[in-house]
Amino acid sequence: MAIAAPNQISSSFPTARCAVCDRYVLTYLSFDGAAESRNCVHCDSVVGADLRWINASELEAEGYQFGAPTASPGGGCGSGCGTCSVRKN
């Protein structure tokens, strides 16, 4: 059975400005009782209510990778930043 080529994904992703990370980040919805808030996926801080819903190509332009991860030539976590393999501790 042949594997079909991936289709263009038309999903939207919620992003907002995170003051702690000082950039636009993906957000997730959290609940505290009946109250809901949007939080940064990186630092868990509550972010502003001004959400931007962006598509996959815009998400990549913000620095996120969409789809399967690329092969990393070095060790470490695979993010490609290069710091994991040079850390001493």
Protein backbone atom coordinates (compact mmCIF):
# COMPACT_ATOMS: atom_id res chain seq x y z
CA MET A 1 0.00 0.00 0.00
CA ALA A 2 1.44 3.35 -1.05
CA ILE A 3 1.60 6.19 1.45
CA ALA A 4 -0.31 9.24 0.32
CA ALA A 5 1.43 12.60 0.18
CA PRO A 6 0.56 14.86 3.11
CA ASN A 7 -2.20 17.34 2.45
CA GLN A 8 -1.95 21.04 3.11
CA ILE A 9 -3.11 21.51 6.67
CA SER A 10 -5.60 24.30 7.12
CA SER A 11 -5.59 24.40 10.91
CA SER A 12 -5.05 27.61 12.83
CA PHE A 13 -2.83 27.99 15.88
CA PRO A 14 -3.35 30.50 18.71
CA THR A 15 -0.38 32.79 19.36
CA ALA A 16 0.04 35.82 21.59
CA ARG A 17 2.79 38.08 22.84
CA CYS A 18 4.47 36.71 25.97
CA ALA A 19 6.05 39.44 28.10
CA VAL A 20 8.36 36.96 29.84
CA CYS A 21 9.67 35.31 26.64
CA ASP A 22 9.56 38.68 24.80
CA ARG A 23 8.11 37.19 21.60
CA TYR A 24 5.00 35.77 20.01
CA VAL A 25 4.45 32.24 21.29
CA LEU A 26 2.02 29.39 20.94
CA THR A 27 -0.57 29.39 23.68
CA TYR A 28 -2.67 26.84 25.48
CA LEU A 29 -5.94 27.22 27.32
CA SER A 30 -5.96 26.63 31.08
CA PHE A 31 -8.78 26.62 33.60
CA ASP A 32 -8.86 27.63 37.24
CA GLY A 33 -12.35 26.71 38.29
CA ALA A 34 -14.66 28.60 35.94
CA ALA A 35 -11.97 31.12 34.94
CA GLU A 36 -9.99 30.44 31.79
CA SER A 37 -6.73 31.93 30.61
CA ARG A 38 -4.23 31.59 27.79
CA ASN A 39 -0.72 30.58 28.75
CA CYS A 40 2.67 30.50 27.01
CA VAL A 41 3.75 26.99 26.00
CA HIS A 42 7.36 27.84 26.92
CA CYS A 43 7.14 29.46 30.39
CA ASP A 44 3.47 28.90 31.39
CA SER A 45 2.95 32.63 32.03
CA VAL A 46 -0.49 34.06 31.36
CA VAL A 47 -0.42 35.96 28.08
CA GLY A 48 -2.58 38.83 26.87
CA ALA A 49 -6.02 38.43 25.41
CA ASP A 50 -4.93 39.65 21.96
CA LEU A 51 -4.71 36.30 20.20
CA ARG A 52 -3.45 35.89 16.66
CA TRP A 53 -4.66 32.77 14.89
CA ILE A 54 -2.02 31.79 12.31
CA ASN A 55 -1.63 28.93 9.84
CA ALA A 56 1.23 26.42 9.60
CA SER A 57 3.42 28.50 7.28
CA GLU A 58 3.04 31.55 9.53
CA LEU A 59 3.84 29.34 12.50
CA GLU A 60 7.14 28.35 10.88
CA ALA A 61 7.90 32.01 10.19
CA GLU A 62 7.59 32.57 13.98
CA GLY A 63 10.35 29.98 14.55
CA TYR A 64 8.32 26.82 15.12
CA GLN A 65 8.80 23.70 13.05
CA PHE A 66 5.69 22.13 11.60
CA GLY A 67 5.77 18.47 10.68
CA ALA A 68 8.38 15.80 11.25
CA PRO A 69 11.61 16.98 12.91
CA THR A 70 14.68 17.32 10.76
CA ALA A 71 17.70 15.16 11.47
CA SER A 72 20.18 16.82 13.81
CA PRO A 73 23.86 16.32 12.96
CA GLY A 74 24.99 16.73 16.58
CA GLY A 75 23.95 15.29 19.90
CA GLY A 76 21.64 16.84 22.40
CA CYS A 77 17.93 17.44 22.23
CA GLY A 78 17.68 17.75 18.46
CA SER A 79 16.55 21.38 18.41
CA GLY A 80 19.60 22.29 16.37
CA CYS A 81 20.76 25.14 18.62
CA GLY A 82 24.04 23.35 19.36
CA THR A 83 24.23 24.20 23.06
CA CYS A 84 23.34 20.75 24.44
CA SER A 85 26.45 19.12 23.07
CA VAL A 86 28.78 21.83 24.41
CA ARG A 87 27.42 22.08 27.95
CA LYS A 88 29.80 20.89 30.64
CA ASN A 89 27.10 20.27 33.31
